[in-house]
Amino acid sequence: MWRKIRVITGLTLIGLGVIGVFVPLVPSVPFFIAGVALAGPDHPVVRRLREWLKQWRHRKGKSG
């Protein structure tokens, strides 16, 4: 039961982090960090987010 609560809270915080990317008054990085810490690094959503960030950094490094 606690695992489900942690995952739901973590995914909610990740969602707030995504909103924070587009809304200047909401900080995004603290929400992402807390969300990943709560959801766990092996959760499928966190894994997809990490893969997307790796690809984004790789593309950004080539264009710069």
Protein backbone atom coordinates (compact mmCIF):
# COMPACT_ATOMS: atom_id res chain seq x y z
CA MET A 1 0.00 0.00 0.00
CA TRP A 2 2.78 2.45 0.88
CA ARG A 3 4.47 1.67 -2.44
CA LYS A 4 1.34 2.72 -4.35
CA ILE A 5 1.05 5.93 -2.36
CA ARG A 6 4.73 6.73 -3.00
CA VAL A 7 4.37 6.07 -6.73
CA ILE A 8 1.20 8.17 -7.04
CA THR A 9 2.80 11.02 -5.08
CA GLY A 10 5.99 10.75 -7.14
CA LEU A 11 4.12 10.82 -10.45
CA THR A 12 2.08 13.79 -9.25
CA LEU A 13 5.29 15.65 -8.40
CA ILE A 14 6.75 14.79 -11.81
CA GLY A 15 3.56 16.17 -13.37
CA LEU A 16 3.99 19.38 -11.39
CA GLY A 17 7.56 19.53 -12.66
CA VAL A 18 6.31 19.30 -16.24
CA ILE A 19 3.86 22.13 -15.54
CA GLY A 20 6.73 24.10 -14.00
CA VAL A 21 8.64 23.93 -17.27
CA PHE A 22 5.89 25.98 -18.94
CA VAL A 23 4.72 28.18 -16.04
CA PRO A 24 7.48 30.49 -14.81
CA LEU A 25 6.21 30.77 -11.21
CA VAL A 26 6.34 27.02 -10.54
CA PRO A 27 9.83 25.58 -9.97
CA SER A 28 10.35 22.42 -12.01
CA VAL A 29 13.65 20.92 -10.84
CA PRO A 30 12.69 20.34 -7.17
CA PHE A 31 9.47 18.65 -8.25
CA PHE A 32 11.33 16.40 -10.71
CA ILE A 33 13.90 15.41 -8.09
CA ALA A 34 11.31 14.68 -5.42
CA GLY A 35 9.08 12.83 -7.88
CA VAL A 36 11.86 10.56 -9.11
CA ALA A 37 12.98 9.92 -5.54
CA LEU A 38 9.48 8.87 -4.51
CA ALA A 39 8.44 6.94 -7.62
CA GLY A 40 11.74 5.10 -7.77
CA PRO A 41 14.28 4.89 -10.59
CA ASP A 42 12.85 1.58 -11.86
CA HIS A 43 9.32 2.86 -12.44
CA PRO A 44 8.40 2.78 -16.17
CA VAL A 45 7.51 6.48 -16.31
CA VAL A 46 10.81 7.47 -14.68
CA ARG A 47 12.71 5.14 -17.02
CA ARG A 48 11.06 6.74 -20.08
CA LEU A 49 11.81 10.21 -18.71
CA ARG A 50 15.47 9.30 -18.20
CA GLU A 51 15.74 7.90 -21.75
CA TRP A 52 14.12 11.04 -23.18
CA LEU A 53 16.54 13.25 -21.23
CA LYS A 54 19.52 11.23 -22.48
CA GLN A 55 18.36 11.64 -26.09
CA TRP A 56 17.67 15.34 -25.56
CA ARG A 57 21.15 15.93 -24.10
CA HIS A 58 22.72 13.98 -26.95
CA ARG A 59 20.87 16.07 -29.58
CA LYS A 60 21.66 19.29 -27.76
CA GLY A 61 25.36 18.41 -27.59
CA LYS A 62 25.54 17.85 -31.36
CA SER A 63 23.78 21.11 -32.28
CA GLY A 64 25.87 23.30 -29.96
